[in-house]
Amino acid sequence: MAMQSADIEALIKEAMPDAQVTIQDLAGDGDHYAATVVSEVFRGKSRVQQHQLVYAALRGRMGGELHALALSTSAP
């Protein structure tokens, strides 16, 4: 079952309320997305740590409901 971009955005914003989130469906199939996430939570964290925070926000849906997510993360 594919995820909707609004669901991805909601999960990220629930974990990081200040986040500015932009989601793009790369293939039109609901399985391949690109996300840009800007949050103060990322300040001082490595890119790997930033991505781990986003994956944690998705609560285990990566690899299941969500097949692929290209991430771009940064602090404001």
Protein backbone atom coordinates (compact mmCIF):
# COMPACT_ATOMS: atom_id res chain seq x y z
CA MET A 1 0.00 0.00 0.00
CA ALA A 2 1.39 3.38 -1.02
CA MET A 3 1.62 6.43 1.24
CA GLN A 4 0.17 9.81 0.43
CA SER A 5 2.50 12.82 0.50
CA ALA A 6 0.21 14.50 3.05
CA ASP A 7 0.71 11.54 5.40
CA ILE A 8 4.49 11.79 5.11
CA GLU A 9 4.36 15.52 5.80
CA ALA A 10 2.04 15.03 8.80
CA LEU A 11 4.31 12.43 10.40
CA ILE A 12 7.37 14.64 9.98
CA LYS A 13 5.58 17.71 11.36
CA GLU A 14 4.26 15.72 14.30
CA ALA A 15 7.84 14.85 15.27
CA MET A 16 9.26 18.27 14.33
CA PRO A 17 6.50 20.89 14.68
CA ASP A 18 8.68 23.74 13.38
CA ALA A 19 9.63 21.85 10.20
CA GLN A 20 9.12 23.30 6.76
CA VAL A 21 8.38 20.24 4.64
CA THR A 22 8.15 19.96 0.86
CA ILE A 23 7.25 16.59 -0.64
CA GLN A 24 7.51 15.68 -4.32
CA ASP A 25 6.15 12.43 -5.78
CA LEU A 26 8.96 11.41 -8.13
CA ALA A 27 7.25 8.64 -10.06
CA GLY A 28 3.54 9.34 -9.58
CA ASP A 29 3.13 5.96 -7.91
CA GLY A 30 2.99 6.96 -4.23
CA ASP A 31 6.12 4.91 -3.53
CA HIS A 32 8.99 7.18 -4.62
CA TYR A 33 9.24 10.60 -3.02
CA ALA A 34 11.73 13.39 -2.48
CA ALA A 35 11.42 15.43 0.70
CA THR A 36 13.05 18.67 1.72
CA VAL A 37 12.89 19.22 5.47
CA VAL A 38 14.14 22.35 7.23
CA SER A 39 14.04 22.34 11.02
CA GLU A 40 15.87 23.86 13.95
CA VAL A 41 16.12 20.31 15.34
CA PHE A 42 18.84 19.65 12.75
CA ARG A 43 21.17 22.43 13.95
CA GLY A 44 24.56 21.00 14.95
CA LYS A 45 23.70 17.50 13.73
CA SER A 46 25.44 15.61 10.95
CA ARG A 47 23.57 14.86 7.73
CA VAL A 48 23.28 11.21 8.82
CA GLN A 49 21.77 12.24 12.17
CA GLN A 50 19.34 14.57 10.40
CA HIS A 51 18.17 11.78 8.12
CA GLN A 52 17.84 9.40 11.07
CA LEU A 53 15.51 11.89 12.74
CA VAL A 54 13.30 11.98 9.64
CA TYR A 55 13.27 8.18 9.36
CA ALA A 56 12.35 7.93 13.05
CA ALA A 57 9.46 10.36 12.43
CA LEU A 58 8.14 7.98 9.77
CA ARG A 59 7.75 5.28 12.42
CA GLY A 60 9.01 2.27 10.50
CA ARG A 61 7.12 2.93 7.27
CA MET A 62 10.33 3.11 5.19
CA GLY A 63 10.71 -0.06 3.18
CA GLY A 64 7.06 -0.95 3.69
CA GLU A 65 4.38 1.59 2.84
CA LEU A 66 7.07 3.98 1.66
CA HIS A 67 9.52 2.40 -0.76
CA ALA A 68 11.92 5.28 -1.45
CA LEU A 69 12.49 8.73 0.02
CA ALA A 70 15.27 11.00 -1.23
CA LEU A 71 16.03 13.44 1.59
CA SER A 72 17.41 16.93 1.69
CA THR A 73 17.64 18.24 5.26
CA SER A 74 18.98 21.42 6.84
CA ALA A 75 18.65 23.84 9.72
CA PRO A 76 17.08 27.22 8.93
